[in-house]
Amino acid sequence: MAIRTVRAAFCRTAKANSLAKHLKALGIVPSGCSFQMVALGPFFPEQETLRRHRRCRDQIAAVEARVAERLKARGFAVLGNTTTRKTCAPKLLRLADDFVAERFPKRRKT
């Protein structure tokens, strides 16, 4: 897995730029930001039916919520809605826990 530091470049006319919207809501100027992108997955192959896709999507929602929960517990700010009632296999939750533990050390409280 590669971790890259990226300089934020936002288009003023982009209709669906949710990262910029979240930053602006917090009073942060998006063009003045840099951030690291990390990825966990893929977990499932491409699904051939919408029904199968939705089952996989729902499990990934649970993994995303778990990663957000673990990041917050380590002192990181998490943007966006990261709650869900969806569930997934315990194995996937362990992957999420290990991912956060290995890459994000606990931050000191200030």
Protein backbone atom coordinates (compact mmCIF):
# COMPACT_ATOMS: atom_id res chain seq x y z
CA MET A 1 0.00 0.00 0.00
CA ALA A 2 1.29 3.43 -0.93
CA ILE A 3 0.68 6.53 1.14
CA ARG A 4 0.96 9.82 -0.70
CA THR A 5 0.89 13.40 0.48
CA VAL A 6 -1.25 15.38 -1.92
CA ARG A 7 -1.64 19.12 -2.29
CA ALA A 8 -5.34 19.89 -2.32
CA ALA A 9 -6.53 21.29 -5.64
CA PHE A 10 -10.23 22.11 -5.76
CA CYS A 11 -12.26 23.28 -8.71
CA ARG A 12 -14.64 26.12 -7.91
CA THR A 13 -17.29 24.79 -10.25
CA ALA A 14 -17.20 21.15 -9.12
CA LYS A 15 -20.72 20.24 -8.03
CA ALA A 16 -19.85 17.20 -5.92
CA ASN A 17 -16.66 18.20 -4.13
CA SER A 18 -17.62 16.88 -0.71
CA LEU A 19 -14.13 17.20 0.82
CA ALA A 20 -14.03 20.91 0.05
CA LYS A 21 -17.55 21.33 1.43
CA HIS A 22 -16.61 19.63 4.70
CA LEU A 23 -13.45 21.72 5.06
CA LYS A 24 -15.26 24.97 4.32
CA ALA A 25 -17.92 24.11 6.90
CA LEU A 26 -15.13 23.97 9.48
CA GLY A 27 -13.74 27.33 8.37
CA ILE A 28 -10.75 25.77 6.60
CA VAL A 29 -9.61 27.07 3.21
CA PRO A 30 -9.34 23.95 1.01
CA SER A 31 -6.64 25.36 -1.29
CA GLY A 32 -4.37 25.85 1.72
CA CYS A 33 -4.54 22.19 2.73
CA SER A 34 -2.42 19.16 2.14
CA PHE A 35 -3.45 15.69 3.13
CA GLN A 36 -2.43 12.07 2.97
CA MET A 37 -4.57 9.54 1.20
CA VAL A 38 -4.58 5.94 2.33
CA ALA A 39 -6.67 3.08 1.03
CA LEU A 40 -7.89 -0.16 2.51
CA GLY A 41 -9.16 -2.75 0.04
CA PRO A 42 -10.45 -3.82 -2.36
CA PHE A 43 -12.44 -6.32 -0.34
CA PHE A 44 -14.68 -7.71 -3.03
CA PRO A 45 -14.45 -8.25 -6.77
CA GLU A 46 -16.72 -6.30 -9.10
CA GLN A 47 -20.28 -7.55 -8.64
CA GLU A 48 -22.39 -8.49 -11.62
CA THR A 49 -25.80 -7.66 -10.17
CA LEU A 50 -27.13 -4.70 -8.25
CA ARG A 51 -28.35 -7.02 -5.50
CA ARG A 52 -24.85 -8.44 -4.91
CA HIS A 53 -23.31 -4.98 -5.21
CA ARG A 54 -25.58 -3.69 -2.45
CA ARG A 55 -24.63 -6.52 -0.09
CA CYS A 56 -20.94 -5.72 -0.56
CA ARG A 57 -21.55 -1.97 -0.34
CA ASP A 58 -23.38 -2.38 2.95
CA GLN A 59 -20.52 -4.37 4.44
CA ILE A 60 -18.03 -1.71 3.35
CA ALA A 61 -20.19 0.93 5.06
CA ALA A 62 -19.67 -0.98 8.32
CA VAL A 63 -15.90 -1.12 7.70
CA GLU A 64 -15.79 2.62 6.97
CA ALA A 65 -17.68 3.37 10.17
CA ARG A 66 -15.28 1.17 12.15
CA VAL A 67 -12.23 2.93 10.69
CA ALA A 68 -13.74 6.32 11.55
CA GLU A 69 -14.55 5.16 15.09
CA ARG A 70 -11.00 3.91 15.62
CA LEU A 71 -9.45 7.08 14.17
CA LYS A 72 -11.54 9.27 16.47
CA ALA A 73 -10.49 7.14 19.45
CA ARG A 74 -6.87 7.83 18.51
CA GLY A 75 -7.42 11.59 18.45
CA PHE A 76 -7.95 12.18 14.72
CA ALA A 77 -10.66 14.37 13.24
CA VAL A 78 -12.93 12.57 10.79
CA LEU A 79 -14.94 14.47 8.20
CA GLY A 80 -18.34 13.34 7.01
CA ASN A 81 -21.04 11.03 8.23
CA THR A 82 -19.48 7.76 9.29
CA THR A 83 -22.29 6.01 11.11
CA THR A 84 -24.28 3.04 9.84
CA ARG A 85 -26.55 0.29 11.06
CA LYS A 86 -25.06 -2.10 8.53
CA THR A 87 -23.00 -5.06 9.71
CA CYS A 88 -20.23 -7.12 8.23
CA ALA A 89 -18.11 -10.16 8.89
CA PRO A 90 -15.94 -9.91 12.02
CA LYS A 91 -12.92 -10.63 9.82
CA LEU A 92 -13.47 -7.34 7.98
CA LEU A 93 -13.76 -5.43 11.25
CA ARG A 94 -10.46 -6.92 12.41
CA LEU A 95 -8.85 -5.76 9.16
CA ALA A 96 -10.15 -2.25 9.85
CA ASP A 97 -8.81 -2.35 13.43
CA ASP A 98 -5.39 -3.60 12.30
CA PHE A 99 -5.24 -1.02 9.51
CA VAL A 100 -5.76 1.88 11.91
CA ALA A 101 -3.49 0.47 14.63
CA GLU A 102 -0.60 -0.05 12.21
CA ARG A 103 -0.77 3.32 10.46
CA PHE A 104 -2.16 5.86 12.90
CA PRO A 105 -0.44 6.26 16.27
CA LYS A 106 -2.47 7.71 19.12
CA ARG A 107 -2.25 11.49 19.27
CA ARG A 108 -1.48 13.32 22.45
CA LYS A 109 -4.31 15.36 23.86
CA THR A 110 -3.63 19.11 23.78
